[in-house]
Amino acid sequence: MPEATPETVPETVPEAVPEARETAVYTHGHHESVLRSHTWRTAANSAAYLLGSLRPQDRILDVGCGPGTITADLAALVPDGHVTGLDHAPGILDRARATAAERGLANTAFTTGDVHALDFPDASFDVVHAHQVLQHVGDPVGALREMARVTRPGGIVAVRDSDYAAMTWYPASPGLDAWLDLYRRVARANGGEPDAGRRLKSWALAAGLTDLTATSATWTFATAEERAWWSGLWADRTVASAYADRATGGGHTDRDGLRAVARAWREWGERPDGWFCVLHGEILCRKGA
């Protein structure tokens, strides 16, 4: 496959800009089953497309930092720079601070904030990064404009999001089909866009970011250990997390429906031929002068 190269494109955007919403509900919440996934994430498995562009002295803003595992990895890669982790939920930042402290990282700070209205001056950062964030926000184009505003001229806006409709698995499972349909309905009812990965380039163009590289990458879960981990966290998330409450509270399903989906996840995880692939869209945008 040829290497992706930056492209300069006209301002005309083929896809309609989504209607802006001031807020959106974070579909997953911070149940243990959610953090089980979030704390697995590293810069290597979740931000590889960005790492070659980092410099030791960079100032980085990590939007939607969650428990801080990616944030800490980025801080280790910019020893002469600084990384600010930002999250909308104040409670998770204690976990992020502990992650940085455990690694002995002195070049980090953590704060609450809203990506739609970042509390930083213009051109505050060399790199503004967001992983699995834009799928959950009310106005992704506005969020990208804000991320660009606080990026210095010549700096980078880097965004990666999964695309639920592009997720695929084997063997076929009506229960997992039901899971995917249900999740997408719940996420959209909460104000998000679960199929964000395919839309990142369009959103970036609508936000005025034209010097960009669009790529993709995957997570694959196929070994017995990987299947057990991935199926277990989704089975638990389906019945015990904030997502479960939002699915039933919004009238999308009932508790029996959630239990059926959880069983389907566990049955898939026990299949020796089981395979699951998560597609992510990625954009690396260089801010103009």
C-alpha atoms as a PDB file:
ATOM      1  CA  MET A   1       0.000   0.000   0.000  1.00  0.00           C
ATOM      2  CA  PRO A   2       1.511   3.404  -0.904  1.00  0.00           C
ATOM      3  CA  GLU A   3       2.408   5.729   1.932  1.00  0.00           C
ATOM      4  CA  ALA A   4      -0.184   8.417   2.611  1.00  0.00           C
ATOM      5  CA  THR A   5       0.965  11.945   1.809  1.00  0.00           C
ATOM      6  CA  PRO A   6      -0.416  15.328   2.883  1.00  0.00           C
ATOM      7  CA  GLU A   7      -2.841  16.878   0.498  1.00  0.00           C
ATOM      8  CA  THR A   8      -4.109  20.376  -0.074  1.00  0.00           C
ATOM      9  CA  VAL A   9      -7.760  20.409  -0.998  1.00  0.00           C
ATOM     10  CA  PRO A  10     -10.356  23.047  -1.837  1.00  0.00           C
ATOM     11  CA  GLU A  11     -12.649  24.362   0.836  1.00  0.00           C
ATOM     12  CA  THR A  12     -15.712  22.741  -0.750  1.00  0.00           C
ATOM     13  CA  VAL A  13     -16.815  19.831   1.428  1.00  0.00           C
ATOM     14  CA  PRO A  14     -18.976  17.100  -0.110  1.00  0.00           C
ATOM     15  CA  GLU A  15     -20.596  15.893   3.109  1.00  0.00           C
ATOM     16  CA  ALA A  16     -23.090  18.097   4.896  1.00  0.00           C
ATOM     17  CA  VAL A  17     -21.871  19.601   8.142  1.00  0.00           C
ATOM     18  CA  PRO A  18     -23.719  18.051  11.099  1.00  0.00           C
ATOM     19  CA  GLU A  19     -26.054  20.275  13.041  1.00  0.00           C
ATOM     20  CA  ALA A  20     -24.214  21.649  16.056  1.00  0.00           C
ATOM     21  CA  ARG A  21     -25.329  20.573  19.509  1.00  0.00           C
ATOM     22  CA  GLU A  22     -23.962  22.249  22.596  1.00  0.00           C
ATOM     23  CA  THR A  23     -23.579  19.059  24.573  1.00  0.00           C
ATOM     24  CA  ALA A  24     -23.579  15.324  24.179  1.00  0.00           C
ATOM     25  CA  VAL A  25     -23.751  12.541  26.740  1.00  0.00           C
ATOM     26  CA  TYR A  26     -20.687  10.328  27.098  1.00  0.00           C
ATOM     27  CA  THR A  27     -22.320   7.026  26.219  1.00  0.00           C
ATOM     28  CA  HIS A  28     -19.980   4.691  28.108  1.00  0.00           C
ATOM     29  CA  GLY A  29     -19.434   6.400  31.467  1.00  0.00           C
ATOM     30  CA  HIS A  30     -16.486   5.279  33.601  1.00  0.00           C
ATOM     31  CA  HIS A  31     -17.539   1.868  34.881  1.00  0.00           C
ATOM     32  CA  GLU A  32     -14.712  -0.584  35.574  1.00  0.00           C
ATOM     33  CA  SER A  33     -15.483  -2.424  32.332  1.00  0.00           C
ATOM     34  CA  VAL A  34     -14.916   0.827  30.424  1.00  0.00           C
ATOM     35  CA  LEU A  35     -11.668   1.635  32.233  1.00  0.00           C
ATOM     36  CA  ARG A  36     -10.510  -1.926  31.546  1.00  0.00           C
ATOM     37  CA  SER A  37     -10.414  -0.904  27.904  1.00  0.00           C
ATOM     38  CA  HIS A  38      -9.169   2.657  28.379  1.00  0.00           C
ATOM     39  CA  THR A  39      -6.196   1.695  30.548  1.00  0.00           C
ATOM     40  CA  TRP A  40      -5.096  -0.830  27.899  1.00  0.00           C
ATOM     41  CA  ARG A  41      -4.564   1.985  25.424  1.00  0.00           C
ATOM     42  CA  THR A  42      -1.038   3.209  24.767  1.00  0.00           C
ATOM     43  CA  ALA A  43       0.542   5.685  22.405  1.00  0.00           C
ATOM     44  CA  ALA A  44       1.858   2.712  20.427  1.00  0.00           C
ATOM     45  CA  ASN A  45      -1.505   0.970  19.927  1.00  0.00           C
ATOM     46  CA  SER A  46      -3.653   4.108  19.730  1.00  0.00           C
ATOM     47  CA  ALA A  47      -1.555   7.015  18.394  1.00  0.00           C
ATOM     48  CA  ALA A  48       1.129   5.475  16.183  1.00  0.00           C
ATOM     49  CA  TYR A  49       0.160   7.764  13.288  1.00  0.00           C
ATOM     50  CA  LEU A  50       1.251  10.791  15.374  1.00  0.00           C
ATOM     51  CA  LEU A  51       4.445   9.590  17.042  1.00  0.00           C
ATOM     52  CA  GLY A  52       6.817  10.241  14.135  1.00  0.00           C
ATOM     53  CA  SER A  53       5.845  13.917  14.164  1.00  0.00           C
ATOM     54  CA  LEU A  54       6.658  14.575  17.831  1.00  0.00           C
ATOM     55  CA  ARG A  55       9.682  16.589  18.963  1.00  0.00           C
ATOM     56  CA  PRO A  56      11.301  16.372  22.425  1.00  0.00           C
ATOM     57  CA  GLN A  57      10.313  19.955  23.269  1.00  0.00           C
ATOM     58  CA  ASP A  58       6.673  19.823  22.160  1.00  0.00           C
ATOM     59  CA  ARG A  59       3.826  21.204  24.242  1.00  0.00           C
ATOM     60  CA  ILE A  60       0.889  18.805  23.855  1.00  0.00           C
ATOM     61  CA  LEU A  61      -2.779  18.992  24.798  1.00  0.00           C
ATOM     62  CA  ASP A  62      -4.384  15.548  25.146  1.00  0.00           C
ATOM     63  CA  VAL A  63      -8.147  16.079  24.867  1.00  0.00           C
ATOM     64  CA  GLY A  64     -10.339  13.434  26.517  1.00  0.00           C
ATOM     65  CA  CYS A  65      -7.358  11.955  28.351  1.00  0.00           C
ATOM     66  CA  GLY A  66      -9.396   9.597  30.560  1.00  0.00           C
ATOM     67  CA  PRO A  67      -7.172   7.551  32.886  1.00  0.00           C
ATOM     68  CA  GLY A  68      -4.050   9.032  31.289  1.00  0.00           C
ATOM     69  CA  THR A  69      -2.211   6.048  29.819  1.00  0.00           C
ATOM     70  CA  ILE A  70      -1.794   7.650  26.389  1.00  0.00           C
ATOM     71  CA  THR A  71      -1.070  11.010  28.044  1.00  0.00           C
ATOM     72  CA  ALA A  72       1.753   9.495  30.072  1.00  0.00           C
ATOM     73  CA  ASP A  73       3.232   7.807  27.008  1.00  0.00           C
ATOM     74  CA  LEU A  74       3.203  11.113  25.143  1.00  0.00           C
ATOM     75  CA  ALA A  75       4.885  12.856  28.085  1.00  0.00           C
ATOM     76  CA  ALA A  76       7.691  10.297  28.053  1.00  0.00           C
ATOM     77  CA  LEU A  77       8.236  11.029  24.362  1.00  0.00           C
ATOM     78  CA  VAL A  78       8.604  14.810  24.900  1.00  0.00           C
ATOM     79  CA  PRO A  79      11.039  14.943  27.868  1.00  0.00           C
ATOM     80  CA  ASP A  80      11.862  18.602  27.251  1.00  0.00           C
ATOM     81  CA  GLY A  81       8.250  19.524  26.617  1.00  0.00           C
ATOM     82  CA  HIS A  82       4.987  19.304  28.524  1.00  0.00           C
ATOM     83  CA  VAL A  83       1.668  17.464  28.204  1.00  0.00           C
ATOM     84  CA  THR A  84      -1.659  18.724  29.529  1.00  0.00           C
ATOM     85  CA  GLY A  85      -4.372  16.092  29.888  1.00  0.00           C
ATOM     86  CA  LEU A  86      -7.932  17.393  29.691  1.00  0.00           C
ATOM     87  CA  ASP A  87     -11.163  15.572  30.412  1.00  0.00           C
ATOM     88  CA  HIS A  88     -14.768  16.603  30.889  1.00  0.00           C
ATOM     89  CA  ALA A  89     -15.183  14.273  33.900  1.00  0.00           C
ATOM     90  CA  PRO A  90     -13.230  15.487  36.961  1.00  0.00           C
ATOM     91  CA  GLY A  91     -13.280  12.128  38.753  1.00  0.00           C
ATOM     92  CA  ILE A  92     -11.196  10.318  36.149  1.00  0.00           C
ATOM     93  CA  LEU A  93      -8.363  12.848  36.471  1.00  0.00           C
ATOM     94  CA  ASP A  94      -7.295  11.422  39.832  1.00  0.00           C
ATOM     95  CA  ARG A  95      -6.591   8.179  37.999  1.00  0.00           C
ATOM     96  CA  ALA A  96      -4.664  10.068  35.297  1.00  0.00           C
ATOM     97  CA  ARG A  97      -2.546  11.929  37.846  1.00  0.00           C
ATOM     98  CA  ALA A  98      -1.745   8.647  39.576  1.00  0.00           C
ATOM     99  CA  THR A  99      -0.693   7.113  36.242  1.00  0.00           C
ATOM    100  CA  ALA A 100       1.748   9.964  35.615  1.00  0.00           C
ATOM    101  CA  ALA A 101       3.068   9.843  39.182  1.00  0.00           C
ATOM    102  CA  GLU A 102       3.634   6.093  39.034  1.00  0.00           C
ATOM    103  CA  ARG A 103       5.822   6.640  35.973  1.00  0.00           C
ATOM    104  CA  GLY A 104       7.751   9.491  37.568  1.00  0.00           C
ATOM    105  CA  LEU A 105       6.639  12.029  34.956  1.00  0.00           C
ATOM    106  CA  ALA A 106       7.056  15.621  36.072  1.00  0.00           C
ATOM    107  CA  ASN A 107       6.084  17.200  32.755  1.00  0.00           C
ATOM    108  CA  THR A 108       2.329  16.618  32.984  1.00  0.00           C
ATOM    109  CA  ALA A 109      -0.684  18.516  34.258  1.00  0.00           C
ATOM    110  CA  PHE A 110      -4.384  17.606  34.246  1.00  0.00           C
ATOM    111  CA  THR A 111      -7.472  19.769  34.123  1.00  0.00           C
ATOM    112  CA  THR A 112     -11.172  19.649  33.342  1.00  0.00           C
ATOM    113  CA  GLY A 113     -12.600  21.303  30.270  1.00  0.00           C
ATOM    114  CA  ASP A 114     -14.908  21.187  27.275  1.00  0.00           C
ATOM    115  CA  VAL A 115     -13.424  20.640  23.813  1.00  0.00           C
ATOM    116  CA  HIS A 116     -16.096  22.948  22.389  1.00  0.00           C
ATOM    117  CA  ALA A 117     -14.712  25.862  24.462  1.00  0.00           C
ATOM    118  CA  LEU A 118     -11.104  25.250  25.502  1.00  0.00           C
ATOM    119  CA  ASP A 119      -9.861  27.498  28.297  1.00  0.00           C
ATOM    120  CA  PHE A 120      -6.473  28.207  26.714  1.00  0.00           C
ATOM    121  CA  PRO A 121      -5.160  31.166  24.692  1.00  0.00           C
ATOM    122  CA  ASP A 122      -4.675  30.932  20.958  1.00  0.00           C
ATOM    123  CA  ALA A 123      -1.541  29.054  19.824  1.00  0.00           C
ATOM    124  CA  SER A 124      -0.847  27.514  23.244  1.00  0.00           C
ATOM    125  CA  PHE A 125       0.282  24.078  22.021  1.00  0.00           C
ATOM    126  CA  ASP A 126       2.471  22.456  19.387  1.00  0.00           C
ATOM    127  CA  VAL A 127       0.227  19.383  19.212  1.00  0.00           C
ATOM    128  CA  VAL A 128      -3.440  18.919  20.134  1.00  0.00           C
ATOM    129  CA  HIS A 129      -4.458  15.262  20.230  1.00  0.00           C
ATOM    130  CA  ALA A 130      -7.789  13.491  20.751  1.00  0.00           C
ATOM    131  CA  HIS A 131      -8.375   9.752  20.774  1.00  0.00           C
ATOM    132  CA  GLN A 132     -11.941   8.384  20.656  1.00  0.00           C
ATOM    133  CA  VAL A 133     -13.391  11.808  21.506  1.00  0.00           C
ATOM    134  CA  LEU A 134     -15.149  13.303  18.487  1.00  0.00           C
ATOM    135  CA  GLN A 135     -17.581  10.380  18.262  1.00  0.00           C
ATOM    136  CA  HIS A 136     -18.997  11.502  21.607  1.00  0.00           C
ATOM    137  CA  VAL A 137     -19.234  15.286  21.221  1.00  0.00           C
ATOM    138  CA  GLY A 138     -22.194  17.385  20.161  1.00  0.00           C
ATOM    139  CA  ASP A 139     -20.367  19.473  17.559  1.00  0.00           C
ATOM    140  CA  PRO A 140     -17.284  17.711  16.130  1.00  0.00           C
ATOM    141  CA  VAL A 141     -16.596  20.463  13.585  1.00  0.00           C
ATOM    142  CA  GLY A 142     -16.696  23.109  16.304  1.00  0.00           C
ATOM    143  CA  ALA A 143     -14.465  20.933  18.479  1.00  0.00           C
ATOM    144  CA  LEU A 144     -11.895  20.712  15.686  1.00  0.00           C
ATOM    145  CA  ARG A 145     -11.998  24.486  15.241  1.00  0.00           C
ATOM    146  CA  GLU A 146     -11.257  24.900  18.939  1.00  0.00           C
ATOM    147  CA  MET A 147      -8.446  22.365  18.795  1.00  0.00           C
ATOM    148  CA  ALA A 148      -6.956  24.272  15.865  1.00  0.00           C
ATOM    149  CA  ARG A 149      -7.362  27.613  17.633  1.00  0.00           C
ATOM    150  CA  VAL A 150      -5.141  26.564  20.529  1.00  0.00           C
ATOM    151  CA  THR A 151      -2.562  25.005  18.174  1.00  0.00           C
ATOM    152  CA  ARG A 152       0.355  27.205  17.078  1.00  0.00           C
ATOM    153  CA  PRO A 153       0.837  27.960  13.371  1.00  0.00           C
ATOM    154  CA  GLY A 154       2.722  25.020  11.899  1.00  0.00           C
ATOM    155  CA  GLY A 155       1.567  22.792  14.740  1.00  0.00           C
ATOM    156  CA  ILE A 156      -0.486  19.597  14.530  1.00  0.00           C
ATOM    157  CA  VAL A 157      -4.082  18.605  15.254  1.00  0.00           C
ATOM    158  CA  ALA A 158      -4.237  14.800  15.538  1.00  0.00           C
ATOM    159  CA  VAL A 159      -7.497  12.887  15.886  1.00  0.00           C
ATOM    160  CA  ARG A 160      -8.346   9.185  15.846  1.00  0.00           C
ATOM    161  CA  ASP A 161     -11.814   7.661  16.169  1.00  0.00           C
ATOM    162  CA  SER A 162     -13.304   4.233  15.710  1.00  0.00           C
ATOM    163  CA  ASP A 163     -16.058   3.528  13.192  1.00  0.00           C
ATOM    164  CA  TYR A 164     -18.703   1.182  14.554  1.00  0.00           C
ATOM    165  CA  ALA A 165     -20.413   0.392  11.259  1.00  0.00           C
ATOM    166  CA  ALA A 166     -17.052  -0.773   9.908  1.00  0.00           C
ATOM    167  CA  MET A 167     -16.381  -3.151  12.798  1.00  0.00           C
ATOM    168  CA  THR A 168     -16.454  -6.750  11.625  1.00  0.00           C
ATOM    169  CA  TRP A 169     -16.165 -10.186  13.175  1.00  0.00           C
ATOM    170  CA  TYR A 170     -16.281 -13.908  12.601  1.00  0.00           C
ATOM    171  CA  PRO A 171     -18.198 -16.122  12.997  1.00  0.00           C
ATOM    172  CA  ALA A 172     -21.529 -14.486  12.213  1.00  0.00           C
ATOM    173  CA  SER A 173     -23.589 -13.758  15.311  1.00  0.00           C
ATOM    174  CA  PRO A 174     -27.159 -12.412  15.343  1.00  0.00           C
ATOM    175  CA  GLY A 175     -26.496 -11.361  18.941  1.00  0.00           C
ATOM    176  CA  LEU A 176     -23.540  -9.184  17.923  1.00  0.00           C
ATOM    177  CA  ASP A 177     -25.597  -7.800  15.047  1.00  0.00           C
ATOM    178  CA  ALA A 178     -28.145  -6.781  17.684  1.00  0.00           C
ATOM    179  CA  TRP A 179     -25.352  -5.261  19.808  1.00  0.00           C
ATOM    180  CA  LEU A 180     -24.098  -3.101  16.941  1.00  0.00           C
ATOM    181  CA  ASP A 181     -27.568  -1.879  16.008  1.00  0.00           C
ATOM    182  CA  LEU A 182     -28.367  -1.089  19.630  1.00  0.00           C
ATOM    183  CA  TYR A 183     -25.088   0.685  20.332  1.00  0.00           C
ATOM    184  CA  ARG A 184     -25.386   2.944  17.288  1.00  0.00           C
ATOM    185  CA  ARG A 185     -28.956   3.907  18.231  1.00  0.00           C
ATOM    186  CA  VAL A 186     -28.000   4.690  21.831  1.00  0.00           C
ATOM    187  CA  ALA A 187     -24.914   6.691  20.846  1.00  0.00           C
ATOM    188  CA  ARG A 188     -26.857   8.825  18.376  1.00  0.00           C
ATOM    189  CA  ALA A 189     -29.654   9.410  20.869  1.00  0.00           C
ATOM    190  CA  ASN A 190     -26.969  10.711  23.250  1.00  0.00           C
ATOM    191  CA  GLY A 191     -25.832  13.263  20.669  1.00  0.00           C
ATOM    192  CA  GLY A 192     -22.790  11.430  19.307  1.00  0.00           C
ATOM    193  CA  GLU A 193     -21.796   9.847  15.994  1.00  0.00           C
ATOM    194  CA  PRO A 194     -20.591   6.254  16.401  1.00  0.00           C
ATOM    195  CA  ASP A 195     -19.405   6.032  12.784  1.00  0.00           C
ATOM    196  CA  ALA A 196     -16.977   8.915  13.333  1.00  0.00           C
ATOM    197  CA  GLY A 197     -13.877   7.338  11.808  1.00  0.00           C
ATOM    198  CA  ARG A 198     -15.050   7.719   8.213  1.00  0.00           C
ATOM    199  CA  ARG A 199     -16.160  11.307   8.855  1.00  0.00           C
ATOM    200  CA  LEU A 200     -12.958  12.754  10.366  1.00  0.00           C
ATOM    201  CA  LYS A 201     -11.579  14.082   7.083  1.00  0.00           C
ATOM    202  CA  SER A 202     -14.907  15.695   6.177  1.00  0.00           C
ATOM    203  CA  TRP A 203     -15.206  17.270   9.626  1.00  0.00           C
ATOM    204  CA  ALA A 204     -11.632  18.588   9.443  1.00  0.00           C
ATOM    205  CA  LEU A 205     -12.264  20.188   6.062  1.00  0.00           C
ATOM    206  CA  ALA A 206     -15.446  21.781   7.381  1.00  0.00           C
ATOM    207  CA  ALA A 207     -13.405  23.166  10.284  1.00  0.00           C
ATOM    208  CA  GLY A 208     -11.001  24.821   7.852  1.00  0.00           C
ATOM    209  CA  LEU A 209      -8.121  22.362   8.216  1.00  0.00           C
ATOM    210  CA  THR A 210      -6.901  21.714   4.681  1.00  0.00           C
ATOM    211  CA  ASP A 211      -3.278  20.521   5.051  1.00  0.00           C
ATOM    212  CA  LEU A 212      -4.071  17.041   6.258  1.00  0.00           C
ATOM    213  CA  THR A 213      -3.194  13.393   5.983  1.00  0.00           C
ATOM    214  CA  ALA A 214      -6.004  10.859   6.412  1.00  0.00           C
ATOM    215  CA  THR A 215      -5.103   7.290   7.358  1.00  0.00           C
ATOM    216  CA  SER A 216      -6.635   4.290   9.086  1.00  0.00           C
ATOM    217  CA  ALA A 217      -5.542   1.573  11.490  1.00  0.00           C
ATOM    218  CA  THR A 218      -7.093  -1.389  13.268  1.00  0.00           C
ATOM    219  CA  TRP A 219      -7.222  -3.268  16.525  1.00  0.00           C
ATOM    220  CA  THR A 220      -7.644  -7.021  16.056  1.00  0.00           C
ATOM    221  CA  PHE A 221      -8.706  -9.485  18.756  1.00  0.00           C
ATOM    222  CA  ALA A 222      -8.139 -13.112  17.765  1.00  0.00           C
ATOM    223  CA  THR A 223      -6.143 -15.083  20.335  1.00  0.00           C
ATOM    224  CA  ALA A 224      -7.912 -16.818  23.202  1.00  0.00           C
ATOM    225  CA  GLU A 225      -6.641 -14.172  25.629  1.00  0.00           C
ATOM    226  CA  GLU A 226      -7.659 -11.296  23.352  1.00  0.00           C
ATOM    227  CA  ARG A 227     -11.112 -12.741  22.728  1.00  0.00           C
ATOM    228  CA  ALA A 228     -11.713 -13.299  26.443  1.00  0.00           C
ATOM    229  CA  TRP A 229     -10.655  -9.751  27.283  1.00  0.00           C
ATOM    230  CA  TRP A 230     -12.591  -8.006  24.515  1.00  0.00           C
ATOM    231  CA  SER A 231     -15.767 -10.058  24.848  1.00  0.00           C
ATOM    232  CA  GLY A 232     -15.681  -9.880  28.642  1.00  0.00           C
ATOM    233  CA  LEU A 233     -15.412  -6.119  28.842  1.00  0.00           C
ATOM    234  CA  TRP A 234     -18.228  -5.646  26.322  1.00  0.00           C
ATOM    235  CA  ALA A 235     -20.434  -8.213  28.057  1.00  0.00           C
ATOM    236  CA  ASP A 236     -19.904  -6.431  31.376  1.00  0.00           C
ATOM    237  CA  ARG A 237     -20.312  -2.969  29.838  1.00  0.00           C
ATOM    238  CA  THR A 238     -23.597  -4.039  28.227  1.00  0.00           C
ATOM    239  CA  VAL A 239     -25.281  -4.934  31.519  1.00  0.00           C
ATOM    240  CA  ALA A 240     -23.474  -2.893  34.192  1.00  0.00           C
ATOM    241  CA  SER A 241     -22.218   0.457  32.845  1.00  0.00           C
ATOM    242  CA  ALA A 242     -23.829   3.833  32.220  1.00  0.00           C
ATOM    243  CA  TYR A 243     -24.407   2.596  28.667  1.00  0.00           C
ATOM    244  CA  ALA A 244     -26.808  -0.044  30.027  1.00  0.00           C
ATOM    245  CA  ASP A 245     -28.819   2.594  31.883  1.00  0.00           C
ATOM    246  CA  ARG A 246     -28.955   4.830  28.811  1.00  0.00           C
ATOM    247  CA  ALA A 247     -30.017   1.939  26.586  1.00  0.00           C
ATOM    248  CA  THR A 248     -32.933   1.026  28.837  1.00  0.00           C
ATOM    249  CA  GLY A 249     -33.748   4.547  30.032  1.00  0.00           C
ATOM    250  CA  GLY A 250     -33.973   5.751  26.451  1.00  0.00           C
ATOM    251  CA  GLY A 251     -36.394   2.990  25.520  1.00  0.00           C
ATOM    252  CA  HIS A 252     -33.960   1.297  23.110  1.00  0.00           C
ATOM    253  CA  THR A 253     -34.136  -2.111  24.803  1.00  0.00           C
ATOM    254  CA  ASP A 254     -34.908  -3.733  28.144  1.00  0.00           C
ATOM    255  CA  ARG A 255     -32.791  -5.657  30.637  1.00  0.00           C
ATOM    256  CA  ASP A 256     -33.584  -8.960  28.963  1.00  0.00           C
ATOM    257  CA  GLY A 257     -32.342  -7.533  25.682  1.00  0.00           C
ATOM    258  CA  LEU A 258     -29.100  -6.413  27.318  1.00  0.00           C
ATOM    259  CA  ARG A 259     -28.579  -9.819  28.915  1.00  0.00           C
ATOM    260  CA  ALA A 260     -29.077 -11.489  25.527  1.00  0.00           C
ATOM    261  CA  VAL A 261     -26.419  -9.245  23.975  1.00  0.00           C
ATOM    262  CA  ALA A 262     -24.027  -9.974  26.852  1.00  0.00           C
ATOM    263  CA  ARG A 263     -24.525 -13.719  26.330  1.00  0.00           C
ATOM    264  CA  ALA A 264     -23.767 -13.296  22.634  1.00  0.00           C
ATOM    265  CA  TRP A 265     -20.513 -11.542  23.487  1.00  0.00           C
ATOM    266  CA  ARG A 266     -19.430 -14.336  25.828  1.00  0.00           C
ATOM    267  CA  GLU A 267     -20.413 -17.038  23.347  1.00  0.00           C
ATOM    268  CA  TRP A 268     -18.357 -15.324  20.634  1.00  0.00           C
ATOM    269  CA  GLY A 269     -15.407 -15.013  23.014  1.00  0.00           C
ATOM    270  CA  GLU A 270     -15.411 -18.776  23.586  1.00  0.00           C
ATOM    271  CA  ARG A 271     -15.217 -19.598  19.890  1.00  0.00           C
ATOM    272  CA  PRO A 272     -11.691 -20.793  18.963  1.00  0.00           C
ATOM    273  CA  ASP A 273     -12.183 -19.378  15.462  1.00  0.00           C
ATOM    274  CA  GLY A 274     -13.398 -16.027  16.786  1.00  0.00           C
ATOM    275  CA  TRP A 275     -11.935 -12.856  15.229  1.00  0.00           C
ATOM    276  CA  PHE A 276     -12.900  -9.209  15.723  1.00  0.00           C
ATOM    277  CA  CYS A 277     -11.545  -6.106  13.969  1.00  0.00           C
ATOM    278  CA  VAL A 278     -12.036  -2.468  15.001  1.00  0.00           C
ATOM    279  CA  LEU A 279     -11.363   0.081  12.254  1.00  0.00           C
ATOM    280  CA  HIS A 280     -10.157   3.575  13.172  1.00  0.00           C
ATOM    281  CA  GLY A 281     -10.025   6.677  11.012  1.00  0.00           C
ATOM    282  CA  GLU A 282      -7.110   9.045  11.667  1.00  0.00           C
ATOM    283  CA  ILE A 283      -6.303  12.598  10.598  1.00  0.00           C
ATOM    284  CA  LEU A 284      -3.039  14.487  11.037  1.00  0.00           C
ATOM    285  CA  CYS A 285      -3.603  18.177  10.268  1.00  0.00           C
ATOM    286  CA  ARG A 286      -0.874  20.814   9.963  1.00  0.00           C
ATOM    287  CA  LYS A 287      -2.187  24.244  10.954  1.00  0.00           C
ATOM    288  CA  GLY A 288      -1.476  27.013   8.497  1.00  0.00           C
ATOM    289  CA  ALA A 289       0.086  30.358   9.389  1.00  0.00           C
END
